[in-house]
C-alpha atoms as a PDB file:
ATOM      1  CA  MET A   1      -9.417   7.308   2.781  1.00  0.00           C
ATOM      2  CA  PRO A   2     -12.685   6.779   4.574  1.00  0.00           C
ATOM      3  CA  GLU A   3     -12.422   6.883   8.352  1.00  0.00           C
ATOM      4  CA  THR A   4     -13.893   3.505   9.172  1.00  0.00           C
ATOM      5  CA  SER A   5     -12.892   0.575  11.307  1.00  0.00           C
ATOM      6  CA  SER A   6     -11.191  -0.868   8.226  1.00  0.00           C
ATOM      7  CA  SER A   7      -8.919   2.177   7.905  1.00  0.00           C
ATOM      8  CA  PRO A   8      -5.571   1.084   9.380  1.00  0.00           C
ATOM      9  CA  GLU A   9      -3.757   3.094  12.019  1.00  0.00           C
ATOM     10  CA  LEU A  10      -0.564   1.227  12.831  1.00  0.00           C
ATOM     11  CA  PRO A  11       2.913   1.910  14.265  1.00  0.00           C
ATOM     12  CA  ASP A  12       5.880   2.637  12.009  1.00  0.00           C
ATOM     13  CA  ILE A  13       9.442   1.513  12.810  1.00  0.00           C
ATOM     14  CA  ASN A  14       9.773   4.370  15.331  1.00  0.00           C
ATOM     15  CA  GLY A  15       6.488   3.559  17.084  1.00  0.00           C
ATOM     16  CA  LYS A  16       4.641   6.553  15.595  1.00  0.00           C
ATOM     17  CA  MET A  17       1.010   5.741  14.775  1.00  0.00           C
ATOM     18  CA  VAL A  18       0.261   6.408  11.096  1.00  0.00           C
ATOM     19  CA  SER A  19      -3.291   6.302   9.782  1.00  0.00           C
ATOM     20  CA  VAL A  20      -4.298   5.560   6.211  1.00  0.00           C
ATOM     21  CA  SER A  21      -7.153   8.058   6.605  1.00  0.00           C
ATOM     22  CA  SER A  22      -4.544  10.820   7.107  1.00  0.00           C
ATOM     23  CA  LEU A  23      -3.584  10.288   3.447  1.00  0.00           C
ATOM     24  CA  LYS A  24      -6.990  11.239   2.057  1.00  0.00           C
ATOM     25  CA  GLY A  25      -6.526  13.405  -1.013  1.00  0.00           C
ATOM     26  CA  LYS A  26      -3.747  11.195  -2.422  1.00  0.00           C
ATOM     27  CA  TYR A  27      -3.682   7.990  -4.367  1.00  0.00           C
ATOM     28  CA  VAL A  28      -2.778   5.366  -1.773  1.00  0.00           C
ATOM     29  CA  LEU A  29      -1.337   1.976  -2.530  1.00  0.00           C
ATOM     30  CA  VAL A  30      -1.917  -0.220   0.530  1.00  0.00           C
ATOM     31  CA  SER A  31       0.615  -3.008   0.256  1.00  0.00           C
ATOM     32  CA  PHE A  32       0.630  -6.064   2.531  1.00  0.00           C
ATOM     33  CA  TRP A  33       3.955  -7.873   2.799  1.00  0.00           C
ATOM     34  CA  SER A  34       6.397  -9.765   4.981  1.00  0.00           C
ATOM     35  CA  THR A  35      10.182  -9.836   4.967  1.00  0.00           C
ATOM     36  CA  THR A  36       9.909 -13.624   5.207  1.00  0.00           C
ATOM     37  CA  SER A  37       8.062 -13.771   1.872  1.00  0.00           C
ATOM     38  CA  GLU A  38      10.421 -14.062  -1.089  1.00  0.00           C
ATOM     39  CA  GLU A  39       7.758 -12.653  -3.423  1.00  0.00           C
ATOM     40  CA  SER A  40       7.294  -9.653  -1.104  1.00  0.00           C
ATOM     41  CA  MET A  41      11.022  -8.980  -1.094  1.00  0.00           C
ATOM     42  CA  ASN A  42      11.166  -9.363  -4.879  1.00  0.00           C
ATOM     43  CA  GLN A  43       8.393  -6.768  -5.179  1.00  0.00           C
ATOM     44  CA  LEU A  44      10.391  -4.067  -3.348  1.00  0.00           C
ATOM     45  CA  PRO A  45      12.253  -2.841  -6.484  1.00  0.00           C
ATOM     46  CA  VAL A  46       8.915  -2.574  -8.320  1.00  0.00           C
ATOM     47  CA  LEU A  47       7.389  -0.569  -5.482  1.00  0.00           C
ATOM     48  CA  ARG A  48      10.491   1.629  -5.324  1.00  0.00           C
ATOM     49  CA  SER A  49      10.211   2.372  -9.035  1.00  0.00           C
ATOM     50  CA  ILE A  50       6.510   3.208  -8.729  1.00  0.00           C
ATOM     51  CA  TYR A  51       7.175   5.368  -5.680  1.00  0.00           C
ATOM     52  CA  ASN A  52      10.019   7.232  -7.408  1.00  0.00           C
ATOM     53  CA  ASP A  53       7.926   7.819 -10.533  1.00  0.00           C
ATOM     54  CA  TYR A  54       4.615   8.788  -8.921  1.00  0.00           C
ATOM     55  CA  HIS A  55       5.138  10.052  -5.379  1.00  0.00           C
ATOM     56  CA  ARG A  56       5.546  13.651  -6.560  1.00  0.00           C
ATOM     57  CA  LYS A  57       2.368  13.234  -8.626  1.00  0.00           C
ATOM     58  CA  GLY A  58       0.218  12.335  -5.620  1.00  0.00           C
ATOM     59  CA  LEU A  59       0.830   8.651  -4.850  1.00  0.00           C
ATOM     60  CA  GLU A  60       1.666   7.384  -1.365  1.00  0.00           C
ATOM     61  CA  ILE A  61       2.501   3.813  -0.428  1.00  0.00           C
ATOM     62  CA  TYR A  62       1.253   2.557   2.937  1.00  0.00           C
ATOM     63  CA  GLN A  63       2.977  -0.774   3.416  1.00  0.00           C
ATOM     64  CA  ILE A  64       1.676  -3.090   6.149  1.00  0.00           C
ATOM     65  CA  SER A  65       4.023  -5.764   7.424  1.00  0.00           C
ATOM     66  CA  LEU A  66       2.758  -9.090   8.682  1.00  0.00           C
ATOM     67  CA  ASP A  67       6.192 -10.061   9.970  1.00  0.00           C
ATOM     68  CA  PRO A  68       6.167 -12.200  13.119  1.00  0.00           C
ATOM     69  CA  ASP A  69       9.513 -10.656  14.156  1.00  0.00           C
ATOM     70  CA  ALA A  70       9.229  -6.872  14.610  1.00  0.00           C
ATOM     71  CA  GLU A  71      13.011  -6.382  14.820  1.00  0.00           C
ATOM     72  CA  ARG A  72      13.587  -8.197  11.535  1.00  0.00           C
ATOM     73  CA  TRP A  73      10.965  -5.972   9.856  1.00  0.00           C
ATOM     74  CA  LYS A  74      12.562  -2.796  11.271  1.00  0.00           C
ATOM     75  CA  ASN A  75      16.031  -3.923  10.177  1.00  0.00           C
ATOM     76  CA  VAL A  76      14.876  -4.679   6.625  1.00  0.00           C
ATOM     77  CA  VAL A  77      13.078  -1.317   6.332  1.00  0.00           C
ATOM     78  CA  ARG A  78      16.260   0.439   7.450  1.00  0.00           C
ATOM     79  CA  TYR A  79      18.613  -1.695   5.344  1.00  0.00           C
ATOM     80  CA  GLU A  80      16.493  -1.313   2.191  1.00  0.00           C
ATOM     81  CA  GLU A  81      16.048   2.422   2.940  1.00  0.00           C
ATOM     82  CA  ILE A  82      12.317   2.176   2.213  1.00  0.00           C
ATOM     83  CA  PRO A  83      11.134   5.762   1.604  1.00  0.00           C
ATOM     84  CA  TRP A  84       7.380   5.170   1.886  1.00  0.00           C
ATOM     85  CA  ILE A  85       5.228   4.597   4.955  1.00  0.00           C
ATOM     86  CA  SER A  86       5.991   1.201   6.469  1.00  0.00           C
ATOM     87  CA  VAL A  87       3.885  -0.007   9.395  1.00  0.00           C
ATOM     88  CA  ARG A  88       3.284  -3.367  11.059  1.00  0.00           C
ATOM     89  CA  GLU A  89       0.261  -5.245  12.346  1.00  0.00           C
ATOM     90  CA  PRO A  90       0.935  -5.636  16.100  1.00  0.00           C
ATOM     91  CA  ASP A  91      -0.268  -9.255  16.093  1.00  0.00           C
ATOM     92  CA  PRO A  92       0.614 -10.809  12.715  1.00  0.00           C
ATOM     93  CA  GLU A  93      -0.886 -14.150  13.753  1.00  0.00           C
ATOM     94  CA  ASN A  94      -4.218 -12.361  14.115  1.00  0.00           C
ATOM     95  CA  PRO A  95      -3.882  -9.575  11.525  1.00  0.00           C
ATOM     96  CA  VAL A  96      -6.935  -7.356  12.022  1.00  0.00           C
ATOM     97  CA  TYR A  97      -6.529  -5.159   8.936  1.00  0.00           C
ATOM     98  CA  ALA A  98      -5.444  -7.962   6.618  1.00  0.00           C
ATOM     99  CA  ARG A  99      -8.635  -9.803   7.553  1.00  0.00           C
ATOM    100  CA  LEU A 100     -10.829  -6.703   7.227  1.00  0.00           C
ATOM    101  CA  MET A 101      -9.377  -6.088   3.771  1.00  0.00           C
ATOM    102  CA  ASN A 102      -9.753  -9.748   2.821  1.00  0.00           C
ATOM    103  CA  ILE A 103      -6.033 -10.307   2.222  1.00  0.00           C
ATOM    104  CA  THR A 104      -5.279 -13.949   1.509  1.00  0.00           C
ATOM    105  CA  TYR A 105      -1.837 -13.803  -0.120  1.00  0.00           C
ATOM    106  CA  LEU A 106       1.451 -11.928   0.292  1.00  0.00           C
ATOM    107  CA  PRO A 107       2.290  -9.644  -1.285  1.00  0.00           C
ATOM    108  CA  SER A 108      -1.120  -8.054  -1.882  1.00  0.00           C
ATOM    109  CA  ASN A 109      -1.800  -4.526  -3.064  1.00  0.00           C
ATOM    110  CA  LEU A 110      -4.910  -2.368  -2.976  1.00  0.00           C
ATOM    111  CA  LEU A 111      -5.087   0.979  -4.763  1.00  0.00           C
ATOM    112  CA  TYR A 112      -7.324   3.774  -3.442  1.00  0.00           C
ATOM    113  CA  ASP A 113      -8.120   7.000  -5.252  1.00  0.00           C
ATOM    114  CA  PRO A 114      -7.913  10.447  -3.572  1.00  0.00           C
ATOM    115  CA  ALA A 115     -11.522  10.132  -2.354  1.00  0.00           C
ATOM    116  CA  GLY A 116     -10.648   6.854  -0.630  1.00  0.00           C
ATOM    117  CA  GLN A 117     -12.461   4.618  -3.120  1.00  0.00           C
ATOM    118  CA  TYR A 118     -10.950   1.243  -3.909  1.00  0.00           C
ATOM    119  CA  ASN A 119     -10.179   0.894  -7.630  1.00  0.00           C
ATOM    120  CA  LYS A 120     -11.162  -2.733  -8.091  1.00  0.00           C
ATOM    121  CA  HIS A 121     -12.384  -2.543 -11.658  1.00  0.00           C
ATOM    122  CA  GLN A 122     -10.620  -1.536 -14.813  1.00  0.00           C
ATOM    123  CA  PRO A 123     -11.978   1.869 -15.785  1.00  0.00           C
ATOM    124  CA  ASP A 124     -10.347   3.798 -18.595  1.00  0.00           C
ATOM    125  CA  ARG A 125      -9.764   6.648 -16.179  1.00  0.00           C
ATOM    126  CA  ALA A 126     -10.221   6.672 -12.420  1.00  0.00           C
ATOM    127  CA  GLN A 127     -11.762  10.021 -11.537  1.00  0.00           C
ATOM    128  CA  SER A 128      -9.622  12.176  -9.291  1.00  0.00           C
ATOM    129  CA  ALA A 129     -10.967  14.251  -6.416  1.00  0.00           C
ATOM    130  CA  TYR A 130      -8.644  16.979  -7.700  1.00  0.00           C
ATOM    131  CA  GLN A 131      -9.544  18.781 -10.900  1.00  0.00           C
ATOM    132  CA  ASP A 132      -5.848  19.294 -11.689  1.00  0.00           C
ATOM    133  CA  GLY A 133      -4.535  16.168 -10.010  1.00  0.00           C
ATOM    134  CA  PRO A 134      -3.159  13.039 -11.579  1.00  0.00           C
ATOM    135  CA  VAL A 135      -5.482  10.452 -12.990  1.00  0.00           C
ATOM    136  CA  ILE A 136      -4.583   6.793 -13.125  1.00  0.00           C
ATOM    137  CA  GLN A 137      -5.122   4.857 -16.303  1.00  0.00           C
ATOM    138  CA  GLN A 138      -5.409   1.151 -15.765  1.00  0.00           C
ATOM    139  CA  THR A 139      -5.265  -1.576 -18.329  1.00  0.00           C
ATOM    140  CA  GLU A 140      -5.859  -4.390 -15.851  1.00  0.00           C
ATOM    141  CA  VAL A 141      -7.078  -4.950 -12.328  1.00  0.00           C
ATOM    142  CA  ILE A 142      -4.510  -3.592  -9.873  1.00  0.00           C
ATOM    143  CA  TRP A 143      -4.785  -6.432  -7.372  1.00  0.00           C
ATOM    144  CA  LYS A 144      -5.718 -10.074  -7.428  1.00  0.00           C
ATOM    145  CA  PRO A 145      -4.749 -12.664  -4.843  1.00  0.00           C
ATOM    146  CA  GLY A 146      -1.418 -14.107  -5.874  1.00  0.00           C
ATOM    147  CA  LYS A 147      -0.617 -11.359  -8.379  1.00  0.00           C
ATOM    148  CA  HIS A 148       1.973  -8.619  -8.199  1.00  0.00           C
ATOM    149  CA  ILE A 149       1.246  -4.980  -8.717  1.00  0.00           C
ATOM    150  CA  LEU A 150       0.646  -4.111 -12.344  1.00  0.00           C
ATOM    151  CA  PRO A 151       1.984  -1.056 -14.171  1.00  0.00           C
ATOM    152  CA  LEU A 152       0.233   2.268 -13.507  1.00  0.00           C
ATOM    153  CA  THR A 153       0.257   5.331 -15.707  1.00  0.00           C
ATOM    154  CA  PHE A 154      -0.593   8.794 -14.364  1.00  0.00           C
ATOM    155  CA  THR A 155      -1.960  11.201 -16.968  1.00  0.00           C
END
């Protein structure tokens, strides 16, 4: 991930600061959500399936909560046993990174390749920074406002 002002560095449920830029070299799905959003909660099983299928192949999920209640967010992360990185915007009413990334709807998902480039188009094959690494094939755009994550295939 490029180290820019739009590269989130936010606290996880234990208060540890986790930066998206520390994940450079992996595919990173940045997922904005809230435990108060029914659609976000309904997306958790989909994210879990993607994580289970692709984490060992080089995918990391960096999930950013916009929950107004930090304790509720922490409790849901623990209860759901979320295995990926889960962080929270400190001021969800003024969400800096959601605004920088032009997020207008929850849940919203942005997929970055290992070089930190946002895959916003629908290429046949997204080029990997690794010669031997996984390559994502996409049949549709990964993210649109109001849409859920679409299926990914690593080849």
